[in-house]
Amino acid sequence: MDLTGDLLRGHSDLIVLSILNHKDSYGYEINKLVDSLTDSMFQFTEATLYTTFKRLEKNHFISAYWQDSPSGRKRKYYTITDDGLKYYKKLKDSWDKAKDHLERIITIKHEE
């Protein structure tokens, strides 16, 4: 069982919105940042990443625009919306609470 993949998929909205909260970005750049920040422990599959983009865009949490890259090719960039920022804060709050509770569970001291 690949727990790291399950963890990543379960938090893809939070991860993408967190990155877009700092700056507009495109799929490949987001995936490279996730890879770099996690020492290659986490990487989105292309399907997971683009499904996340579609879901967030459908719900008006992000919007997209095209921009030329240095090579001259167009890239689809994503930006967080005001609704997306509210959703990000809600997800972040839920994550912080869940993390705290999970930490209590997995560090419980068992009586011998």
N, C-alpha and C. Protein backbone atom coordinates (compact mmCIF):
# COMPACT_ATOMS: atom_id res chain seq x y z
N MET A 1 0.85 -1.19 0.00
CA MET A 1 0.00 0.00 0.00
C MET A 1 0.89 1.24 0.00
N ASP A 2 0.58 2.14 -0.88
CA ASP A 2 1.35 3.38 -0.98
C ASP A 2 0.65 4.48 -0.20
N LEU A 3 0.97 4.58 1.07
CA LEU A 3 0.34 5.56 1.94
C LEU A 3 0.65 6.98 1.49
N THR A 4 1.84 7.22 1.00
CA THR A 4 2.20 8.58 0.59
C THR A 4 1.31 9.05 -0.56
N GLY A 5 1.01 8.18 -1.49
CA GLY A 5 0.12 8.55 -2.60
C GLY A 5 -1.28 8.85 -2.11
N ASP A 6 -1.78 8.04 -1.18
CA ASP A 6 -3.10 8.29 -0.60
C ASP A 6 -3.13 9.61 0.14
N LEU A 7 -2.08 9.92 0.89
CA LEU A 7 -2.02 11.19 1.61
C LEU A 7 -2.04 12.37 0.65
N LEU A 8 -1.29 12.25 -0.43
CA LEU A 8 -1.21 13.34 -1.39
C LEU A 8 -2.56 13.56 -2.07
N ARG A 9 -3.18 12.48 -2.54
CA ARG A 9 -4.47 12.61 -3.21
C ARG A 9 -5.52 13.19 -2.26
N GLY A 10 -5.50 12.79 -1.01
CA GLY A 10 -6.48 13.26 -0.04
C GLY A 10 -6.34 14.72 0.32
N HIS A 11 -5.21 15.32 -0.01
CA HIS A 11 -4.96 16.71 0.34
C HIS A 11 -4.56 17.55 -0.87
N SER A 12 -4.92 17.09 -2.06
CA SER A 12 -4.48 17.78 -3.27
C SER A 12 -5.05 19.20 -3.35
N ASP A 13 -6.31 19.40 -2.94
CA ASP A 13 -6.87 20.75 -2.98
C ASP A 13 -6.06 21.69 -2.08
N LEU A 14 -5.80 21.24 -0.87
CA LEU A 14 -5.04 22.06 0.09
C LEU A 14 -3.65 22.38 -0.44
N ILE A 15 -2.98 21.39 -1.00
CA ILE A 15 -1.62 21.58 -1.50
C ILE A 15 -1.60 22.58 -2.66
N VAL A 16 -2.47 22.39 -3.63
CA VAL A 16 -2.50 23.28 -4.79
C VAL A 16 -2.88 24.69 -4.37
N LEU A 17 -3.91 24.83 -3.54
CA LEU A 17 -4.31 26.17 -3.10
C LEU A 17 -3.23 26.85 -2.28
N SER A 18 -2.52 26.08 -1.49
CA SER A 18 -1.43 26.65 -0.69
C SER A 18 -0.35 27.23 -1.60
N ILE A 19 0.01 26.51 -2.63
CA ILE A 19 1.02 26.98 -3.57
C ILE A 19 0.52 28.20 -4.33
N LEU A 20 -0.73 28.15 -4.78
CA LEU A 20 -1.28 29.28 -5.53
C LEU A 20 -1.52 30.49 -4.65
N ASN A 21 -1.62 30.28 -3.36
CA ASN A 21 -1.76 31.39 -2.42
C ASN A 21 -0.48 32.24 -2.39
N HIS A 22 0.63 31.64 -2.77
CA HIS A 22 1.91 32.36 -2.79
C HIS A 22 2.17 33.02 -4.14
N LYS A 23 1.80 32.31 -5.22
CA LYS A 23 1.99 32.89 -6.56
C LYS A 23 1.25 32.05 -7.59
N ASP A 24 0.90 32.68 -8.68
CA ASP A 24 0.29 31.96 -9.80
C ASP A 24 1.30 30.94 -10.32
N SER A 25 0.78 29.84 -10.81
CA SER A 25 1.69 28.79 -11.28
C SER A 25 0.98 27.90 -12.29
N TYR A 26 1.73 26.98 -12.88
CA TYR A 26 1.21 26.02 -13.84
C TYR A 26 1.54 24.61 -13.35
N GLY A 27 0.89 23.62 -13.95
CA GLY A 27 0.96 22.24 -13.46
C GLY A 27 2.35 21.69 -13.23
N TYR A 28 3.20 21.77 -14.23
CA TYR A 28 4.54 21.21 -14.11
C TYR A 28 5.31 21.89 -12.98
N GLU A 29 5.20 23.20 -12.88
CA GLU A 29 5.92 23.94 -11.85
C GLU A 29 5.42 23.55 -10.45
N ILE A 30 4.12 23.38 -10.31
CA ILE A 30 3.55 22.96 -9.02
C ILE A 30 4.07 21.59 -8.64
N ASN A 31 4.06 20.67 -9.59
CA ASN A 31 4.52 19.32 -9.30
C ASN A 31 6.01 19.29 -8.94
N LYS A 32 6.81 20.09 -9.63
CA LYS A 32 8.24 20.15 -9.31
C LYS A 32 8.47 20.74 -7.92
N LEU A 33 7.67 21.73 -7.53
CA LEU A 33 7.79 22.32 -6.21
C LEU A 33 7.43 21.31 -5.12
N VAL A 34 6.35 20.57 -5.33
CA VAL A 34 5.96 19.52 -4.37
C VAL A 34 7.07 18.49 -4.25
N ASP A 35 7.61 18.06 -5.38
CA ASP A 35 8.71 17.11 -5.39
C ASP A 35 9.91 17.65 -4.63
N SER A 36 10.27 18.89 -4.88
CA SER A 36 11.44 19.50 -4.24
C SER A 36 11.24 19.68 -2.74
N LEU A 37 10.07 20.18 -2.34
CA LEU A 37 9.82 20.45 -0.92
C LEU A 37 9.70 19.18 -0.08
N THR A 38 9.41 18.05 -0.74
CA THR A 38 9.24 16.79 0.00
C THR A 38 10.38 15.81 -0.26
N ASP A 39 11.48 16.31 -0.79
CA ASP A 39 12.63 15.44 -1.11
C ASP A 39 12.19 14.22 -1.92
N SER A 40 11.33 14.47 -2.89
CA SER A 40 10.80 13.46 -3.82
C SER A 40 9.91 12.41 -3.16
N MET A 41 9.46 12.66 -1.94
CA MET A 41 8.55 11.71 -1.29
C MET A 41 7.16 11.79 -1.90
N PHE A 42 6.74 13.00 -2.29
CA PHE A 42 5.43 13.20 -2.88
C PHE A 42 5.58 13.74 -4.29
N GLN A 43 4.81 13.17 -5.20
CA GLN A 43 4.70 13.68 -6.56
C GLN A 43 3.29 13.41 -7.02
N PHE A 44 2.65 14.40 -7.62
CA PHE A 44 1.33 14.18 -8.18
C PHE A 44 1.45 13.39 -9.47
N THR A 45 0.48 12.52 -9.70
CA THR A 45 0.37 11.97 -11.05
C THR A 45 -0.28 13.06 -11.88
N GLU A 46 -0.08 13.00 -13.17
CA GLU A 46 -0.69 14.00 -14.04
C GLU A 46 -2.21 13.98 -13.90
N ALA A 47 -2.78 12.79 -13.80
CA ALA A 47 -4.23 12.66 -13.67
C ALA A 47 -4.74 13.31 -12.38
N THR A 48 -4.06 13.07 -11.27
CA THR A 48 -4.48 13.65 -9.99
C THR A 48 -4.38 15.18 -10.04
N LEU A 49 -3.30 15.69 -10.56
CA LEU A 49 -3.10 17.13 -10.59
C LEU A 49 -4.15 17.82 -11.46
N TYR A 50 -4.37 17.30 -12.65
CA TYR A 50 -5.31 17.97 -13.54
C TYR A 50 -6.76 17.75 -13.13
N THR A 51 -7.07 16.64 -12.47
CA THR A 51 -8.40 16.46 -11.88
C THR A 51 -8.61 17.48 -10.77
N THR A 52 -7.58 17.73 -10.00
CA THR A 52 -7.64 18.75 -8.94
C THR A 52 -7.88 20.12 -9.54
N PHE A 53 -7.15 20.47 -10.59
CA PHE A 53 -7.35 21.76 -11.26
C PHE A 53 -8.80 21.90 -11.75
N LYS A 54 -9.31 20.86 -12.39
CA LYS A 54 -10.68 20.92 -12.93
C LYS A 54 -11.70 21.11 -11.82
N ARG A 55 -11.54 20.37 -10.72
CA ARG A 55 -12.47 20.47 -9.59
C ARG A 55 -12.43 21.87 -8.97
N LEU A 56 -11.22 22.38 -8.75
CA LEU A 56 -11.08 23.70 -8.15
C LEU A 56 -11.61 24.80 -9.08
N GLU A 57 -11.38 24.64 -10.38
CA GLU A 57 -11.86 25.62 -11.33
C GLU A 57 -13.39 25.59 -11.43
N LYS A 58 -13.96 24.38 -11.44
CA LYS A 58 -15.42 24.22 -11.51
C LYS A 58 -16.10 24.89 -10.32
N ASN A 59 -15.46 24.83 -9.16
CA ASN A 59 -16.02 25.41 -7.94
C ASN A 59 -15.61 26.87 -7.73
N HIS A 60 -14.95 27.45 -8.73
CA HIS A 60 -14.54 28.87 -8.72
C HIS A 60 -13.52 29.18 -7.61
N PHE A 61 -12.71 28.18 -7.24
CA PHE A 61 -11.66 28.39 -6.25
C PHE A 61 -10.35 28.82 -6.91
N ILE A 62 -10.24 28.52 -8.20
CA ILE A 62 -9.10 28.98 -8.99
C ILE A 62 -9.63 29.42 -10.35
N SER A 63 -8.85 30.21 -11.05
CA SER A 63 -9.15 30.53 -12.44
C SER A 63 -7.86 30.35 -13.23
N ALA A 64 -8.02 30.23 -14.53
CA ALA A 64 -6.86 29.94 -15.38
C ALA A 64 -6.70 31.01 -16.45
N TYR A 65 -5.47 31.17 -16.89
CA TYR A 65 -5.16 32.06 -18.00
C TYR A 65 -3.93 31.52 -18.71
N TRP A 66 -3.80 31.90 -19.97
CA TRP A 66 -2.66 31.45 -20.78
C TRP A 66 -1.59 32.54 -20.81
N GLN A 67 -0.35 32.09 -20.77
CA GLN A 67 0.77 33.03 -20.83
C GLN A 67 1.92 32.37 -21.60
N ASP A 68 2.64 33.18 -22.35
CA ASP A 68 3.80 32.66 -23.08
C ASP A 68 4.91 32.31 -22.11
N SER A 69 5.57 31.19 -22.38
CA SER A 69 6.75 30.80 -21.60
C SER A 69 7.98 31.39 -22.27
N PRO A 70 9.13 31.34 -21.59
CA PRO A 70 10.37 31.84 -22.22
C PRO A 70 10.68 31.14 -23.54
N SER A 71 10.22 29.90 -23.70
CA SER A 71 10.48 29.18 -24.94
C SER A 71 9.51 29.57 -26.05
N GLY A 72 8.50 30.39 -25.70
CA GLY A 72 7.53 30.82 -26.69
C GLY A 72 6.25 30.00 -26.69
N ARG A 73 6.27 28.88 -26.02
CA ARG A 73 5.06 28.05 -25.91
C ARG A 73 4.12 28.66 -24.87
N LYS A 74 2.84 28.46 -25.07
CA LYS A 74 1.87 28.97 -24.10
C LYS A 74 1.72 27.96 -22.96
N ARG A 75 1.60 28.50 -21.75
CA ARG A 75 1.36 27.68 -20.56
C ARG A 75 0.06 28.14 -19.92
N LYS A 76 -0.67 27.17 -19.36
CA LYS A 76 -1.89 27.49 -18.64
C LYS A 76 -1.54 27.72 -17.18
N TYR A 77 -1.69 28.94 -16.75
CA TYR A 77 -1.41 29.32 -15.37
C TYR A 77 -2.71 29.33 -14.57
N TYR A 78 -2.57 29.07 -13.30
CA TYR A 78 -3.71 29.08 -12.39
C TYR A 78 -3.47 30.13 -11.31
N THR A 79 -4.57 30.76 -10.88
CA THR A 79 -4.51 31.75 -9.82
C THR A 79 -5.64 31.46 -8.83
N ILE A 80 -5.40 31.72 -7.57
CA ILE A 80 -6.42 31.49 -6.55
C ILE A 80 -7.41 32.66 -6.57
N THR A 81 -8.68 32.37 -6.38
CA THR A 81 -9.72 33.40 -6.34
C THR A 81 -10.01 33.75 -4.88
N ASP A 82 -10.86 34.76 -4.67
CA ASP A 82 -11.26 35.11 -3.31
C ASP A 82 -11.97 33.93 -2.64
N ASP A 83 -12.86 33.26 -3.39
CA ASP A 83 -13.53 32.08 -2.84
C ASP A 83 -12.52 30.97 -2.55
N GLY A 84 -11.52 30.86 -3.40
CA GLY A 84 -10.47 29.87 -3.20
C GLY A 84 -9.66 30.15 -1.95
N LEU A 85 -9.42 31.41 -1.67
CA LEU A 85 -8.68 31.78 -0.47
C LEU A 85 -9.48 31.41 0.78
N LYS A 86 -10.77 31.64 0.74
CA LYS A 86 -11.64 31.25 1.88
C LYS A 86 -11.63 29.74 2.05
N TYR A 87 -11.73 29.01 0.94
CA TYR A 87 -11.72 27.55 0.98
C TYR A 87 -10.37 27.05 1.49
N TYR A 88 -9.29 27.66 1.02
CA TYR A 88 -7.95 27.29 1.49
C TYR A 88 -7.86 27.44 3.01
N LYS A 89 -8.33 28.55 3.54
CA LYS A 89 -8.26 28.78 4.99
C LYS A 89 -9.07 27.74 5.75
N LYS A 90 -10.23 27.36 5.20
CA LYS A 90 -11.06 26.32 5.82
C LYS A 90 -10.33 24.98 5.81
N LEU A 91 -9.76 24.62 4.67
CA LEU A 91 -9.01 23.36 4.56
C LEU A 91 -7.80 23.35 5.49
N LYS A 92 -7.10 24.48 5.56
CA LYS A 92 -5.91 24.58 6.42
C LYS A 92 -6.29 24.42 7.88
N ASP A 93 -7.40 25.03 8.30
CA ASP A 93 -7.88 24.90 9.67
C ASP A 93 -8.24 23.44 9.98
N SER A 94 -8.93 22.79 9.06
CA SER A 94 -9.29 21.38 9.24
C SER A 94 -8.04 20.51 9.32
N TRP A 95 -7.05 20.79 8.46
CA TRP A 95 -5.79 20.04 8.47
C TRP A 95 -5.09 20.20 9.82
N ASP A 96 -5.00 21.44 10.30
CA ASP A 96 -4.32 21.68 11.58
C ASP A 96 -4.99 20.92 12.72
N LYS A 97 -6.31 20.92 12.75
CA LYS A 97 -7.04 20.20 13.80
C LYS A 97 -6.81 18.69 13.68
N ALA A 98 -6.95 18.17 12.47
CA ALA A 98 -6.75 16.73 12.26
C ALA A 98 -5.33 16.31 12.61
N LYS A 99 -4.36 17.12 12.22
CA LYS A 99 -2.95 16.81 12.51
C LYS A 99 -2.72 16.75 14.02
N ASP A 100 -3.28 17.70 14.75
CA ASP A 100 -3.13 17.71 16.20
C ASP A 100 -3.75 16.47 16.83
N HIS A 101 -4.93 16.09 16.39
CA HIS A 101 -5.59 14.91 16.95
C HIS A 101 -4.86 13.62 16.58
N LEU A 102 -4.41 13.53 15.34
CA LEU A 102 -3.65 12.35 14.92
C LEU A 102 -2.35 12.23 15.71
N GLU A 103 -1.71 13.35 15.96
CA GLU A 103 -0.46 13.34 16.73
C GLU A 103 -0.72 12.78 18.13
N ARG A 104 -1.83 13.15 18.74
CA ARG A 104 -2.17 12.61 20.07
C ARG A 104 -2.37 11.10 20.02
N ILE A 105 -3.02 10.64 18.96
CA ILE A 105 -3.30 9.20 18.84
C ILE A 105 -2.02 8.41 18.62
N ILE A 106 -1.18 8.85 17.70
CA ILE A 106 -0.02 8.03 17.35
C ILE A 106 1.13 8.15 18.34
N THR A 107 1.06 9.11 19.24
CA THR A 107 2.13 9.25 20.24
C THR A 107 1.66 8.86 21.64
N ILE A 108 0.52 8.18 21.71
CA ILE A 108 -0.01 7.77 22.98
C ILE A 108 0.99 6.84 23.68
N LYS A 109 1.16 7.04 24.95
CA LYS A 109 2.07 6.19 25.73
C LYS A 109 1.25 5.04 26.30
N HIS A 110 1.67 3.85 25.96
CA HIS A 110 0.96 2.65 26.43
C HIS A 110 1.52 2.23 27.77
N GLU A 111 0.61 1.83 28.65
CA GLU A 111 1.05 1.32 29.95
C GLU A 111 1.61 -0.08 29.75
N GLU A 112 2.65 -0.35 30.48
CA GLU A 112 3.29 -1.66 30.32
C GLU A 112 2.83 -2.62 31.38
